[in-house]
Amino acid sequence: MISWRHDINSTNVASLGWDTDGGYVKFHSGGTYFYRGVSRQRMVAMLRAASPGKYFRKKIYPNYEWEKIA
């Protein structure tokens, strides 16, 4: 169950979520992905980043297992 979810102001990312197993990223393109093992702190940092998309591409995408969930 998602502990928190936030819509964000980004050209690529629509919203972020997190639960104890990892982070969720929903894209404006419609896909929602789960990134296993991402910490709450990492997701909050992405939420607060000047460019959440750049943060995602540098810190999350290349470093965590993912699966498309929707």
Protein backbone atom coordinates (compact mmCIF):
# COMPACT_ATOMS: atom_id res chain seq x y z
CA MET A 1 0.00 0.00 0.00
CA ILE A 2 1.38 3.41 -0.95
CA SER A 3 2.28 5.43 2.17
CA TRP A 4 2.30 8.75 0.34
CA ARG A 5 1.71 10.11 -3.14
CA HIS A 6 2.34 13.59 -4.57
CA ASP A 7 1.57 15.19 -7.89
CA ILE A 8 4.59 17.17 -9.07
CA ASN A 9 5.34 19.97 -11.47
CA SER A 10 7.48 18.29 -14.12
CA THR A 11 7.39 18.00 -17.88
CA ASN A 12 7.86 14.20 -17.75
CA VAL A 13 6.80 13.02 -14.28
CA ALA A 14 3.16 13.34 -13.20
CA SER A 15 3.38 11.98 -9.65
CA LEU A 16 5.53 10.12 -7.15
CA GLY A 17 4.61 7.60 -4.50
CA TRP A 18 6.40 5.54 -1.91
CA ASP A 19 5.83 2.52 0.31
CA THR A 20 8.19 0.43 2.41
CA ASP A 21 9.19 -1.67 -0.62
CA GLY A 22 10.19 1.21 -2.91
CA GLY A 23 9.08 4.13 -5.02
CA TYR A 24 6.43 4.67 -7.68
CA VAL A 25 6.76 7.04 -10.60
CA LYS A 26 3.85 7.92 -12.88
CA PHE A 27 4.74 9.63 -16.14
CA HIS A 28 2.62 12.04 -18.17
CA SER A 29 2.88 9.50 -20.98
CA GLY A 30 0.63 7.28 -18.87
CA GLY A 31 3.03 4.60 -17.60
CA THR A 32 3.43 3.90 -13.89
CA TYR A 33 6.57 2.12 -12.68
CA PHE A 34 7.70 0.65 -9.39
CA TYR A 35 11.37 1.00 -8.38
CA ARG A 36 12.26 -1.62 -5.78
CA GLY A 37 14.30 -0.49 -2.77
CA VAL A 38 14.14 3.27 -3.35
CA SER A 39 14.12 4.99 0.04
CA ARG A 40 11.58 7.56 1.15
CA GLN A 41 14.42 10.08 1.45
CA ARG A 42 15.41 9.50 -2.20
CA MET A 43 11.81 10.03 -3.36
CA VAL A 44 11.46 13.20 -1.27
CA ALA A 45 14.73 14.47 -2.80
CA MET A 46 13.26 13.84 -6.26
CA LEU A 47 10.07 15.66 -5.26
CA ARG A 48 12.12 18.69 -4.17
CA ALA A 49 14.63 18.65 -7.05
CA ALA A 50 14.76 21.61 -9.44
CA SER A 51 14.29 19.08 -12.25
CA PRO A 52 12.63 15.87 -11.03
CA GLY A 53 13.13 14.28 -14.46
CA LYS A 54 16.89 14.86 -14.40
CA TYR A 55 17.08 13.61 -10.81
CA PHE A 56 15.16 10.49 -11.82
CA ARG A 57 17.43 9.79 -14.81
CA LYS A 58 20.60 10.23 -12.75
CA LYS A 59 19.75 8.82 -9.30
CA ILE A 60 16.87 6.38 -9.65
CA TYR A 61 16.51 4.83 -13.11
CA PRO A 62 20.07 3.47 -13.46
CA ASN A 63 20.35 2.28 -9.84
CA TYR A 64 17.18 0.34 -9.02
CA GLU A 65 15.26 -2.63 -10.39
CA TRP A 66 11.97 -1.57 -11.92
CA GLU A 67 8.76 -2.98 -13.27
CA LYS A 68 5.88 -1.44 -15.16
CA ILE A 69 2.72 -1.75 -13.08
CA ALA A 70 0.23 0.26 -15.16
